Amino acid sequence: MKTKNISKNGDQLLAMLAALANPHRLRIMATLATGGRNYVSQLAREIGISRPLLHLHLQKLENAGLVTSQLELSRDGKALNYFEVSSFAVELTPAMIAEAAKSLTTDLEK
């Protein structure tokens, strides 16, 4: 898997950091990073959380561009949604944060 070095604008950086700012999502990322692609039911068993809760966390990670999903049919005809970590690298320096902050469009009042 080829690693993408991503230059983030402020909103993208904020979404990525928010997605990672949760212990369940960090465990999901770690499990996918070490174990490779997996489908929702198996991943839920490995992590020890319900499928609906896992799905919500996976959506947040996917929206932030940290994981990708692919729907596939199993041999017995069941639809399985497989997830895997998107390969990425983000350099996080004070200068990079200052540059990203200039492009924030997120309402600070929320």
N, C-alpha and C. Protein backbone atom coordinates (compact mmCIF):
# COMPACT_ATOMS: atom_id res chain seq x y z
N MET A 1 0.84 -1.17 0.00
CA MET A 1 0.00 0.00 0.00
C MET A 1 0.89 1.23 0.00
N LYS A 2 0.65 2.16 -0.91
CA LYS A 2 1.44 3.37 -1.02
C LYS A 2 0.94 4.41 -0.03
N THR A 3 1.87 5.03 0.69
CA THR A 3 1.52 6.05 1.67
C THR A 3 1.39 7.39 0.99
N LYS A 4 0.29 8.07 1.26
CA LYS A 4 0.08 9.42 0.74
C LYS A 4 0.50 10.41 1.81
N ASN A 5 1.32 11.38 1.43
CA ASN A 5 1.67 12.47 2.34
C ASN A 5 0.65 13.56 2.08
N ILE A 6 -0.18 13.83 3.05
CA ILE A 6 -1.34 14.69 2.86
C ILE A 6 -1.08 16.07 3.43
N SER A 7 -1.35 17.08 2.62
CA SER A 7 -1.33 18.45 3.10
C SER A 7 -2.78 18.81 3.41
N LYS A 8 -3.06 19.09 4.65
CA LYS A 8 -4.44 19.31 5.09
C LYS A 8 -4.74 20.79 5.22
N ASN A 9 -5.96 21.18 4.78
CA ASN A 9 -6.40 22.52 5.14
C ASN A 9 -6.94 22.43 6.57
N GLY A 10 -7.30 23.56 7.13
CA GLY A 10 -7.72 23.59 8.53
C GLY A 10 -8.89 22.68 8.84
N ASP A 11 -9.91 22.69 7.98
CA ASP A 11 -11.10 21.87 8.23
C ASP A 11 -10.78 20.38 8.12
N GLN A 12 -9.95 20.01 7.14
CA GLN A 12 -9.57 18.60 6.98
C GLN A 12 -8.75 18.12 8.18
N LEU A 13 -7.82 18.96 8.62
CA LEU A 13 -7.00 18.60 9.77
C LEU A 13 -7.86 18.44 11.02
N LEU A 14 -8.80 19.37 11.20
CA LEU A 14 -9.70 19.31 12.36
C LEU A 14 -10.54 18.03 12.33
N ALA A 15 -11.07 17.66 11.16
CA ALA A 15 -11.87 16.44 11.02
C ALA A 15 -11.03 15.20 11.32
N MET A 16 -9.79 15.19 10.82
CA MET A 16 -8.93 14.03 11.05
C MET A 16 -8.58 13.90 12.53
N LEU A 17 -8.20 14.99 13.16
CA LEU A 17 -7.84 14.94 14.58
C LEU A 17 -9.05 14.60 15.44
N ALA A 18 -10.23 15.13 15.08
CA ALA A 18 -11.45 14.81 15.83
C ALA A 18 -11.78 13.32 15.70
N ALA A 19 -11.58 12.77 14.51
CA ALA A 19 -11.86 11.35 14.30
C ALA A 19 -10.94 10.48 15.14
N LEU A 20 -9.72 10.92 15.34
CA LEU A 20 -8.76 10.14 16.12
C LEU A 20 -8.84 10.40 17.61
N ALA A 21 -9.63 11.38 18.01
CA ALA A 21 -9.71 11.78 19.43
C ALA A 21 -10.74 10.96 20.19
N ASN A 22 -10.76 9.67 19.96
CA ASN A 22 -11.71 8.78 20.62
C ASN A 22 -11.03 7.43 20.82
N PRO A 23 -11.08 6.86 22.01
CA PRO A 23 -10.38 5.59 22.24
C PRO A 23 -10.89 4.44 21.38
N HIS A 24 -12.20 4.40 21.09
CA HIS A 24 -12.72 3.33 20.23
C HIS A 24 -12.14 3.45 18.83
N ARG A 25 -12.12 4.69 18.30
CA ARG A 25 -11.62 4.87 16.95
C ARG A 25 -10.11 4.60 16.86
N LEU A 26 -9.38 4.95 17.90
CA LEU A 26 -7.95 4.61 17.91
C LEU A 26 -7.75 3.09 17.90
N ARG A 27 -8.58 2.38 18.66
CA ARG A 27 -8.49 0.91 18.67
C ARG A 27 -8.88 0.32 17.32
N ILE A 28 -9.88 0.91 16.68
CA ILE A 28 -10.28 0.46 15.34
C ILE A 28 -9.12 0.65 14.37
N MET A 29 -8.52 1.83 14.39
CA MET A 29 -7.39 2.11 13.50
C MET A 29 -6.24 1.14 13.77
N ALA A 30 -5.94 0.91 15.04
CA ALA A 30 -4.84 0.00 15.39
C ALA A 30 -5.13 -1.42 14.94
N THR A 31 -6.35 -1.88 15.12
CA THR A 31 -6.73 -3.24 14.72
C THR A 31 -6.64 -3.40 13.21
N LEU A 32 -7.14 -2.42 12.47
CA LEU A 32 -7.08 -2.50 11.01
C LEU A 32 -5.64 -2.35 10.51
N ALA A 33 -4.86 -1.51 11.18
CA ALA A 33 -3.47 -1.30 10.75
C ALA A 33 -2.62 -2.56 10.95
N THR A 34 -2.87 -3.28 12.04
CA THR A 34 -2.06 -4.47 12.32
C THR A 34 -2.64 -5.74 11.72
N GLY A 35 -3.96 -5.81 11.61
CA GLY A 35 -4.60 -7.04 11.13
C GLY A 35 -5.04 -6.98 9.68
N GLY A 36 -4.99 -5.83 9.06
CA GLY A 36 -5.42 -5.70 7.68
C GLY A 36 -6.93 -5.51 7.56
N ARG A 37 -7.40 -5.54 6.34
CA ARG A 37 -8.82 -5.29 6.07
C ARG A 37 -9.68 -6.32 6.78
N ASN A 38 -10.87 -5.88 7.17
CA ASN A 38 -11.75 -6.75 7.93
C ASN A 38 -13.19 -6.30 7.70
N TYR A 39 -14.13 -7.20 7.93
CA TYR A 39 -15.54 -6.83 7.79
C TYR A 39 -16.11 -6.49 9.16
N VAL A 40 -17.23 -5.78 9.16
CA VAL A 40 -17.78 -5.16 10.36
C VAL A 40 -18.00 -6.16 11.49
N SER A 41 -18.66 -7.27 11.23
CA SER A 41 -18.98 -8.22 12.31
C SER A 41 -17.72 -8.77 12.97
N GLN A 42 -16.74 -9.15 12.17
CA GLN A 42 -15.49 -9.68 12.73
C GLN A 42 -14.75 -8.60 13.49
N LEU A 43 -14.71 -7.41 12.96
CA LEU A 43 -14.02 -6.30 13.63
C LEU A 43 -14.69 -5.97 14.96
N ALA A 44 -16.03 -6.00 14.99
CA ALA A 44 -16.77 -5.73 16.23
C ALA A 44 -16.42 -6.77 17.29
N ARG A 45 -16.32 -8.04 16.89
CA ARG A 45 -15.95 -9.09 17.84
C ARG A 45 -14.53 -8.88 18.36
N GLU A 46 -13.61 -8.55 17.47
CA GLU A 46 -12.22 -8.35 17.87
C GLU A 46 -12.06 -7.18 18.84
N ILE A 47 -12.80 -6.11 18.59
CA ILE A 47 -12.66 -4.91 19.42
C ILE A 47 -13.54 -4.99 20.67
N GLY A 48 -14.63 -5.74 20.58
CA GLY A 48 -15.51 -5.91 21.74
C GLY A 48 -16.56 -4.82 21.88
N ILE A 49 -17.04 -4.30 20.74
CA ILE A 49 -18.14 -3.33 20.77
C ILE A 49 -19.23 -3.80 19.82
N SER A 50 -20.42 -3.23 19.96
CA SER A 50 -21.55 -3.63 19.12
C SER A 50 -21.33 -3.19 17.68
N ARG A 51 -21.96 -3.89 16.75
CA ARG A 51 -21.85 -3.52 15.34
C ARG A 51 -22.40 -2.13 15.06
N PRO A 52 -23.57 -1.75 15.63
CA PRO A 52 -24.05 -0.39 15.36
C PRO A 52 -23.08 0.69 15.85
N LEU A 53 -22.50 0.48 17.03
CA LEU A 53 -21.54 1.46 17.55
C LEU A 53 -20.28 1.48 16.68
N LEU A 54 -19.81 0.31 16.29
CA LEU A 54 -18.65 0.23 15.41
C LEU A 54 -18.92 0.95 14.10
N HIS A 55 -20.10 0.72 13.53
CA HIS A 55 -20.45 1.34 12.26
C HIS A 55 -20.41 2.87 12.37
N LEU A 56 -20.92 3.42 13.46
CA LEU A 56 -20.88 4.88 13.65
C LEU A 56 -19.44 5.38 13.69
N HIS A 57 -18.57 4.66 14.40
CA HIS A 57 -17.16 5.06 14.47
C HIS A 57 -16.47 4.91 13.11
N LEU A 58 -16.79 3.85 12.39
CA LEU A 58 -16.20 3.66 11.06
C LEU A 58 -16.63 4.76 10.10
N GLN A 59 -17.88 5.21 10.20
CA GLN A 59 -18.35 6.31 9.35
C GLN A 59 -17.54 7.57 9.61
N LYS A 60 -17.30 7.86 10.87
CA LYS A 60 -16.52 9.05 11.24
C LYS A 60 -15.10 8.94 10.68
N LEU A 61 -14.49 7.76 10.81
CA LEU A 61 -13.14 7.56 10.27
C LEU A 61 -13.12 7.64 8.75
N GLU A 62 -14.16 7.10 8.11
CA GLU A 62 -14.23 7.14 6.65
C GLU A 62 -14.44 8.57 6.16
N ASN A 63 -15.30 9.33 6.84
CA ASN A 63 -15.53 10.72 6.46
C ASN A 63 -14.26 11.56 6.59
N ALA A 64 -13.39 11.19 7.51
CA ALA A 64 -12.13 11.91 7.70
C ALA A 64 -11.04 11.41 6.74
N GLY A 65 -11.36 10.39 5.94
CA GLY A 65 -10.41 9.86 4.97
C GLY A 65 -9.37 8.92 5.56
N LEU A 66 -9.64 8.40 6.75
CA LEU A 66 -8.67 7.53 7.43
C LEU A 66 -8.88 6.05 7.13
N VAL A 67 -10.09 5.66 6.75
CA VAL A 67 -10.37 4.29 6.33
C VAL A 67 -11.20 4.33 5.05
N THR A 68 -11.16 3.23 4.33
CA THR A 68 -12.01 3.07 3.15
C THR A 68 -12.83 1.80 3.32
N SER A 69 -13.94 1.73 2.61
CA SER A 69 -14.79 0.54 2.70
C SER A 69 -15.10 0.02 1.30
N GLN A 70 -15.40 -1.27 1.26
CA GLN A 70 -15.79 -1.91 0.01
C GLN A 70 -16.80 -3.00 0.32
N LEU A 71 -17.94 -2.94 -0.33
CA LEU A 71 -18.98 -3.94 -0.15
C LEU A 71 -18.71 -5.11 -1.08
N GLU A 72 -18.68 -6.32 -0.52
CA GLU A 72 -18.42 -7.53 -1.29
C GLU A 72 -19.41 -8.61 -0.91
N LEU A 73 -19.64 -9.54 -1.83
CA LEU A 73 -20.51 -10.68 -1.56
C LEU A 73 -19.67 -11.86 -1.11
N SER A 74 -20.12 -12.52 -0.04
CA SER A 74 -19.43 -13.73 0.42
C SER A 74 -19.84 -14.90 -0.46
N ARG A 75 -19.20 -16.03 -0.25
CA ARG A 75 -19.52 -17.23 -1.04
C ARG A 75 -20.97 -17.66 -0.88
N ASP A 76 -21.54 -17.40 0.32
CA ASP A 76 -22.93 -17.80 0.55
C ASP A 76 -23.92 -16.69 0.19
N GLY A 77 -23.45 -15.63 -0.46
CA GLY A 77 -24.33 -14.59 -0.96
C GLY A 77 -24.59 -13.43 -0.01
N LYS A 78 -23.98 -13.44 1.17
CA LYS A 78 -24.18 -12.34 2.11
C LYS A 78 -23.30 -11.15 1.72
N ALA A 79 -23.85 -9.96 1.90
CA ALA A 79 -23.08 -8.75 1.64
C ALA A 79 -22.23 -8.43 2.86
N LEU A 80 -20.93 -8.28 2.64
CA LEU A 80 -20.00 -7.95 3.72
C LEU A 80 -19.33 -6.62 3.39
N ASN A 81 -19.34 -5.72 4.35
CA ASN A 81 -18.69 -4.43 4.17
C ASN A 81 -17.30 -4.49 4.79
N TYR A 82 -16.28 -4.51 3.94
CA TYR A 82 -14.90 -4.59 4.39
C TYR A 82 -14.32 -3.20 4.56
N PHE A 83 -13.54 -3.02 5.62
CA PHE A 83 -12.87 -1.75 5.89
C PHE A 83 -11.37 -1.98 5.97
N GLU A 84 -10.63 -0.97 5.53
CA GLU A 84 -9.18 -1.00 5.69
C GLU A 84 -8.68 0.41 5.90
N VAL A 85 -7.51 0.50 6.52
CA VAL A 85 -6.90 1.80 6.79
C VAL A 85 -6.39 2.39 5.48
N SER A 86 -6.67 3.66 5.27
CA SER A 86 -6.07 4.39 4.16
C SER A 86 -4.64 4.73 4.57
N SER A 87 -3.72 4.47 3.69
CA SER A 87 -2.33 4.78 4.01
C SER A 87 -2.13 6.29 3.90
N PHE A 88 -1.63 6.89 4.97
CA PHE A 88 -1.46 8.34 4.99
C PHE A 88 -0.31 8.72 5.89
N ALA A 89 0.18 9.92 5.70
CA ALA A 89 1.19 10.51 6.59
C ALA A 89 0.90 12.00 6.66
N VAL A 90 0.83 12.51 7.85
CA VAL A 90 0.59 13.94 8.05
C VAL A 90 1.67 14.47 8.97
N GLU A 91 2.41 15.46 8.48
CA GLU A 91 3.41 16.10 9.32
C GLU A 91 2.70 17.16 10.14
N LEU A 92 2.86 17.09 11.44
CA LEU A 92 2.16 18.01 12.34
C LEU A 92 3.21 18.84 13.08
N THR A 93 3.41 20.03 12.59
CA THR A 93 4.36 20.96 13.20
C THR A 93 3.62 22.23 13.58
N PRO A 94 4.18 23.05 14.46
CA PRO A 94 3.53 24.32 14.78
C PRO A 94 3.28 25.18 13.53
N ALA A 95 4.23 25.20 12.61
CA ALA A 95 4.06 25.99 11.38
C ALA A 95 2.93 25.43 10.53
N MET A 96 2.83 24.10 10.45
CA MET A 96 1.76 23.47 9.66
C MET A 96 0.40 23.77 10.28
N ILE A 97 0.33 23.74 11.61
CA ILE A 97 -0.93 24.06 12.30
C ILE A 97 -1.31 25.51 12.04
N ALA A 98 -0.34 26.42 12.11
CA ALA A 98 -0.61 27.84 11.85
C ALA A 98 -1.13 28.05 10.43
N GLU A 99 -0.53 27.36 9.47
CA GLU A 99 -0.97 27.47 8.07
C GLU A 99 -2.38 26.90 7.90
N ALA A 100 -2.65 25.75 8.52
CA ALA A 100 -3.97 25.13 8.41
C ALA A 100 -5.03 25.99 9.08
N ALA A 101 -4.68 26.66 10.17
CA ALA A 101 -5.65 27.49 10.89
C ALA A 101 -6.15 28.65 10.02
N LYS A 102 -5.33 29.11 9.09
CA LYS A 102 -5.72 30.22 8.20
C LYS A 102 -6.89 29.83 7.30
N SER A 103 -7.04 28.55 7.03
CA SER A 103 -8.09 28.10 6.10
C SER A 103 -9.32 27.53 6.80
N LEU A 104 -9.39 27.66 8.12
CA LEU A 104 -10.56 27.13 8.85
C LEU A 104 -11.83 27.85 8.43
N THR A 105 -12.86 27.07 8.18
CA THR A 105 -14.18 27.65 7.92
C THR A 105 -15.18 27.20 8.98
N THR A 106 -14.72 26.36 9.90
CA THR A 106 -15.58 25.83 10.95
C THR A 106 -15.99 26.95 11.89
N ASP A 107 -17.29 27.00 12.22
CA ASP A 107 -17.82 28.01 13.12
C ASP A 107 -17.29 27.76 14.53
N LEU A 108 -16.60 28.73 15.08
CA LEU A 108 -16.02 28.58 16.41
C LEU A 108 -17.06 28.65 17.52
N GLU A 109 -18.26 29.07 17.23
CA GLU A 109 -19.32 29.20 18.24
C GLU A 109 -19.99 27.88 18.56
N LYS A 110 -19.74 26.84 17.78
CA LYS A 110 -20.39 25.54 18.00
C LYS A 110 -19.84 24.87 19.21
